[in-house]
Amino acid sequence: MEQAIAKLLLLLVTAGVQPPHLATVEESAVNCLAMNIYHEARSQSIAGQIAVGQVTLNRVNDDRFPNTICEVVTEGPHRPSWKGTGELIPVRHRCQFSWYCDGKSDSIRQPHIYKKIRKLANILIREGMVDITSSATHYHAYYVQPAWAKTKRRTTKIEDHIFYKWEKK
């Protein structure tokens, strides 16, 4: 199975367009992308994980979103922590990616899965691959119907997620 995944990644990388990111990417960017993929798609196939990563990167390259991976992942309103430490915490259920502001722990509970996802995040950032989402900037789980979906163009469905592109006017 791992050999098949490696072959798929190699095929996607070699067929892909050069990534818009510089080869010298900060480790924090890899960590932010890996955390997003882990929390949004860790139980999905490699295709589902790639798709979530590509949406994150597509947002970085869209001027309507922040221009770094970490800023895209953590986008949304923040407020001071009740602890009085000066730390800003995300406002619950008001961010772009649900795991980031759901009030639950963001700790890695499956390190063996995270390790594989971190390698995938590194490949997506440093080497790029064919965008299997058709330039999607949004997605949601198939079992929810967010109001914003009516304003976006559906591009594909992969695993548990439906993907959309936010067309520029």
Protein backbone atom coordinates (compact mmCIF):
# COMPACT_ATOMS: atom_id res chain seq x y z
CA MET A 1 0.00 0.00 0.00
CA GLU A 2 2.75 2.47 0.92
CA GLN A 3 4.53 1.73 -2.38
CA ALA A 4 1.31 2.54 -4.25
CA ILE A 5 1.00 5.81 -2.36
CA ALA A 6 4.64 6.65 -3.10
CA LYS A 7 4.10 5.93 -6.82
CA LEU A 8 0.97 8.11 -6.84
CA LEU A 9 2.84 10.96 -5.18
CA LEU A 10 5.75 10.62 -7.61
CA LEU A 11 3.35 10.65 -10.56
CA LEU A 12 1.52 13.71 -9.26
CA VAL A 13 4.75 15.54 -8.48
CA THR A 14 6.37 14.83 -11.83
CA ALA A 15 3.21 15.71 -13.75
CA GLY A 16 2.56 18.82 -11.71
CA VAL A 17 3.18 22.44 -12.26
CA GLN A 18 6.03 23.98 -10.31
CA PRO A 19 4.70 25.13 -6.96
CA PRO A 20 4.26 28.85 -6.45
CA HIS A 21 6.22 28.63 -3.21
CA LEU A 22 9.91 29.15 -2.77
CA ALA A 23 12.06 26.08 -2.16
CA THR A 24 13.21 27.57 1.12
CA VAL A 25 10.07 27.26 3.16
CA GLU A 26 10.02 27.78 6.87
CA GLU A 27 9.38 24.71 8.96
CA SER A 28 6.46 26.54 10.55
CA ALA A 29 4.68 26.53 7.17
CA VAL A 30 5.12 22.76 6.88
CA ASN A 31 3.87 22.34 10.45
CA CYS A 32 0.80 24.54 9.84
CA LEU A 33 -0.13 22.70 6.65
CA ALA A 34 0.42 19.31 8.30
CA MET A 35 -1.74 20.28 11.27
CA ASN A 36 -4.52 21.41 8.93
CA ILE A 37 -4.42 18.22 6.89
CA TYR A 38 -4.18 16.10 10.05
CA HIS A 39 -7.20 17.66 11.73
CA GLU A 40 -9.32 18.01 8.59
CA ALA A 41 -8.56 14.76 6.74
CA ARG A 42 -6.43 12.30 8.75
CA SER A 43 -8.98 9.50 8.35
CA GLN A 44 -9.20 9.96 4.59
CA SER A 45 -7.17 8.47 1.77
CA ILE A 46 -4.07 10.17 0.41
CA ALA A 47 -6.27 11.86 -2.23
CA GLY A 48 -8.49 13.40 0.46
CA GLN A 49 -5.44 14.60 2.35
CA ILE A 50 -3.84 16.06 -0.77
CA ALA A 51 -7.07 17.88 -1.62
CA VAL A 52 -7.30 19.55 1.79
CA GLY A 53 -3.66 20.61 1.50
CA GLN A 54 -4.24 22.01 -1.97
CA VAL A 55 -7.18 24.13 -0.83
CA THR A 56 -4.93 25.64 1.83
CA LEU A 57 -2.24 26.40 -0.75
CA ASN A 58 -4.80 27.73 -3.25
CA ARG A 59 -5.90 30.23 -0.61
CA VAL A 60 -2.32 31.36 -0.07
CA ASN A 61 -2.15 32.14 -3.80
CA ASP A 62 -5.47 34.00 -3.85
CA ASP A 63 -5.26 37.68 -2.93
CA ARG A 64 -8.57 37.48 -1.05
CA PHE A 65 -6.90 35.39 1.65
CA PRO A 66 -3.79 35.82 3.80
CA ASN A 67 -0.51 35.18 1.96
CA THR A 68 1.13 32.61 4.24
CA ILE A 69 0.10 29.06 5.08
CA CYS A 70 -0.04 29.68 8.82
CA GLU A 71 -2.12 32.84 8.37
CA VAL A 72 -4.57 30.98 6.11
CA VAL A 73 -4.91 28.12 8.61
CA THR A 74 -5.45 30.45 11.59
CA GLU A 75 -7.59 33.04 9.78
CA GLY A 76 -10.54 34.33 11.77
CA PRO A 77 -11.31 36.55 14.73
CA HIS A 78 -9.28 36.11 17.93
CA ARG A 79 -9.86 37.38 21.45
CA PRO A 80 -7.73 37.62 24.60
CA SER A 81 -7.58 34.42 26.66
CA TRP A 82 -9.47 34.39 29.94
CA LYS A 83 -6.18 33.40 31.59
CA GLY A 84 -4.89 36.97 31.28
CA THR A 85 -1.59 35.88 29.72
CA GLY A 86 -1.95 38.15 26.70
CA GLU A 87 -2.44 35.11 24.47
CA LEU A 88 -5.02 35.52 21.72
CA ILE A 89 -7.33 32.57 21.12
CA PRO A 90 -9.68 31.96 18.20
CA VAL A 91 -13.35 32.85 18.62
CA ARG A 92 -15.24 29.57 18.73
CA HIS A 93 -16.81 28.44 15.42
CA ARG A 94 -15.74 31.63 13.58
CA CYS A 95 -12.64 30.50 11.71
CA GLN A 96 -11.93 29.07 8.26
CA PHE A 97 -11.06 25.53 9.35
CA SER A 98 -13.33 24.06 12.02
CA TRP A 99 -10.64 22.21 14.00
CA TYR A 100 -8.82 25.45 14.76
CA CYS A 101 -11.67 27.06 16.69
CA ASP A 102 -13.86 24.19 17.90
CA GLY A 103 -12.65 24.50 21.50
CA LYS A 104 -11.14 21.01 21.48
CA SER A 105 -7.51 20.10 22.00
CA ASP A 106 -5.35 20.41 18.89
CA SER A 107 -2.78 17.93 20.17
CA ILE A 108 -1.61 15.11 17.92
CA ARG A 109 -3.15 11.88 19.21
CA GLN A 110 -1.98 9.68 16.34
CA PRO A 111 1.72 10.52 15.84
CA HIS A 112 2.27 7.75 13.27
CA ILE A 113 -0.42 9.28 11.03
CA TYR A 114 0.86 12.81 11.63
CA LYS A 115 4.37 11.76 10.60
CA LYS A 116 3.06 10.61 7.19
CA ILE A 117 0.94 13.73 6.79
CA ARG A 118 3.92 15.94 7.61
CA LYS A 119 5.88 14.27 4.79
CA LEU A 120 2.94 14.91 2.47
CA ALA A 121 2.77 18.57 3.55
CA ASN A 122 6.47 18.92 2.82
CA ILE A 123 5.98 17.50 -0.69
CA LEU A 124 2.97 19.74 -1.38
CA ILE A 125 4.89 22.86 -0.36
CA ARG A 126 8.34 22.11 -1.74
CA GLU A 127 7.55 20.18 -4.90
CA GLY A 128 3.89 20.71 -5.76
CA MET A 129 1.68 18.43 -7.81
CA VAL A 130 -1.33 18.48 -10.08
CA ASP A 131 -4.20 20.24 -8.30
CA ILE A 132 -6.84 17.54 -7.99
CA THR A 133 -9.36 20.10 -6.67
CA SER A 134 -9.36 22.22 -9.85
CA SER A 135 -8.17 25.30 -7.93
CA ALA A 136 -10.74 25.00 -5.13
CA THR A 137 -10.55 27.54 -2.33
CA HIS A 138 -13.32 26.06 -0.18
CA TYR A 139 -14.67 22.71 0.90
CA HIS A 140 -17.10 21.22 3.36
CA ALA A 141 -18.12 17.79 4.56
CA TYR A 142 -20.84 16.24 2.40
CA TYR A 143 -23.26 16.05 5.33
CA VAL A 144 -23.43 19.82 5.95
CA GLN A 145 -24.88 22.54 3.72
CA PRO A 146 -23.19 25.87 4.45
CA ALA A 147 -24.87 28.98 3.09
CA TRP A 148 -21.65 30.06 1.33
CA ALA A 149 -21.74 26.99 -0.97
CA LYS A 150 -24.46 28.63 -3.11
CA THR A 151 -22.04 31.44 -3.96
CA LYS A 152 -19.16 29.21 -5.12
CA ARG A 153 -18.66 26.90 -8.14
CA ARG A 154 -18.46 23.21 -7.23
CA THR A 155 -15.33 21.57 -8.67
CA THR A 156 -15.27 18.02 -7.31
CA LYS A 157 -16.07 15.62 -4.49
CA ILE A 158 -13.23 13.66 -2.88
CA GLU A 159 -13.90 11.33 0.02
CA ASP A 160 -16.03 13.15 2.62
CA HIS A 161 -15.52 16.63 1.17
CA ILE A 162 -17.13 18.67 -1.59
CA PHE A 163 -14.81 21.27 -3.12
CA TYR A 164 -15.61 24.71 -4.53
CA LYS A 165 -13.85 27.50 -6.36
CA TRP A 166 -14.48 31.12 -5.47
CA GLU A 167 -14.56 32.76 -8.88
CA LYS A 168 -12.99 36.20 -9.26
CA LYS A 169 -15.25 38.88 -10.70
